Structures are given as structure tokens and as C-alpha cells.
Amino acid sequence: MLVKYYRSRQLTLLLSAVTLLVLGSFFFWYSQYTTNRAPHWATIISLYAIATLPVFLPTQRLALPDAMLPLITILGLHSVDITLSAMSHSVTFSSLSWPLMAYTLLAMGLVSRRHTFYGWLFFASFVLLVLSWHSNYFLSRINLSTEFYIPFLLMVVCTIVPQQIEQAVSKTRQARSMRIIADAGRTEEADMSAIATQRVQEVRTLTEDMLHRIAYNESPVSRDEMDEFRFTEAQLRDTIRGRYIVNKEILHAAWLARQRGVKVDILDERGSALPARLSMILTQCAVDLFDKASGGTITVRAFPADDQIAVMLVHDGNSEDEEPSAIEISQTGLVERF
């Protein structure tokens, strides 16, 4: 917002200096170069202020409301006309210095507000008014028009420089965005590497004892050991297929359920971690379901984040005569049992 820039001490000092310069030059110009029939100085300065203040006062947006622009242009040109009526027809650069400076400043303000069309329209109209006002020149219009080359250059600079600044800012933002994306990519790679390392460690923890048993113990494998191998393989599968929804409590409850003859199938289609509240609700529902099961099949399935259902748990009965039951957990944490 422009307000914060106007609160800048440097900008405040600059605007104060420009205001004092304009007022000082105006009173000098009014006392030296106006005719006896000139309007009162308050009329001239008031009309100029009414046209100028909306352009230079701080606002929430850089661009001014569209309805104000024709009004500012008309008031500005009316101010030019009254200013010219106060001057002698003996046109010199000194007598034109204040109008040239003051009204070029207004035109530059419109351009700086990104109203380039109205800024140049006012500048061109103001120039034409000055050139057409003097009917008995001792200078030709060509000579008089040369007094406008400095204001014209100022207008060109005021038009081009902000565009160059915007392009530079845009390129800086693009470079910053590319750097953020690159940093995020490196962070993701580091996270993936850390996850892979953690995964290897989990697999080693689960299988190290069994692999050591197979490699170094030549005695026959017992039935209990085979069951342990099978349960461990199933738990390893759970940690892969349900990586973002399982935890130690769920894995332990599933292990005990498998020992009682329950078939467990865990599937994660979400692909990202559940919110803490949903994870707590899922853990409670899953552990209760596993603890009560003595047979059948239990399926735990997590749905994508844009689905209304977050997780569904289905128990396909402890026996052939028992009807399947289901638990639905919505994305908001609402639990429904069927």
C-alpha cells in the first residue's frame, strides 16, 4: 500500500521539500510576472491544489478511481487557463517557469500512478494551451515550444523508468521463486534420502533376527518360527502399503489379530500424513476393531484427501454367518458405523 511509503521519513522530507519549492516559486512568480488584473493568488493556488492533491495524497491503491481522472484533467487544464490569464503577453522563459514546473509535476504524477494516457493527455493539452494563448508573439511559436524540451524529457523519463523498475522487480521475483523452488527440491531430495534411510533401518529392525537365524542356524525351522516369519512379512507389507496411516499401536494390534487367525489388509491411497486428530481417531477405531476380532478379514483403507471419506475400516465377519461391519471416518473426524 502507498500509505506505508508515505510514512517513510526520506519520502516525507522529499515531498515537503517539493511542496515548499512549488509554493516558494509560485509566490515569487505571482509577485513578479502577473498583471494587475490577475486573479487573487488564493484562487490560483486553490484550484491547482484541488487538481493536484488527489494525485499525490497516499491511497490504498496505486491507481486512482477511473471517475476521478477526467475530473482531475479538466480541473488541471482550468487551472492552467486561469494561470495564463494572470500573465503578461510578454512571454519569457522566466514568466513561464512556474507553470512549466508545476503542471509538468501534475502530469508526471498521473504517469507515476500508472495513468499514462491521462498524464500525456494533460501534458499535451497544457502545452497546446500555452502555445495558443499568446496572440501577439514577439517570439515565434517554434521558439516558444523549445521551452518545453526539459518538461518533455522529464515526462519521457517518468514514463520509462517505472517500467524498467517493474521489469527488474519482476525478474527479481522470478529469480527468487526459482531459488525457492530449487531449495524446495533439494529439501525434498534430502527428505526422501532421510525417509529411505529410515525405511532401511525399519526393515533391518524387523528382519535382522530372522535373517541371522536362517543364515547361521542350520537346525530345521519350527512351526512357530514360520508363523513369526509370516507375521513379520505381513507387518513389513503393512508399513509399505499403509505408510502414512499406520503407527506402532496399529501395527501391534494387527500383529496380535493375525496371531488369532485374522487376515489384515492395509491400503493407503492418500499418500500423505493424516491430520493429528484423524490419526488419533483412526488409531482408536483400528485398535478396538483388531482387539475384538477373532477371525475373518479386516481391511483398512485410506482415501485421497479430496474424498469425503478419510478412512474406512471393514470387518468381513468372525464367521460365515456374521454380517460384515464397517466404520467410516470423514475428513472432519466424524465416525459412522454400519
Foldseek 3Di string as FASTA:
>chain_A
DQVVVCVDPVVVVVVVVVVVVLVVLLVVLLVPFFDPPADDSCVLVVLLCVLQVVLPPDDPALADDPVCLVVSLVSLVVSLVSLVNRGDLQDDLSNCVSVLVSLLVSLLSCVLSVNPVSSVVSVVSSLVCVLPVRPDDPDHSVVVSVSCPVSVVVSVCSNPVVVVVVVVVVVVVVVVVVVVVVVVVVVVVVVVVVVVVVLVVVVCVLCVVVVCCVPPPPDDDDPVNVLSVVLSVVLNVCCVQVVQQDDPLLSVLQSVLVVLAEAEAEHEPAPHHQPPLLSVLVSVVNSVVSVPANYAYWYWYAHHLPDQWGIKIKGPDNDPPDHIKMWTQGSVGDIDID
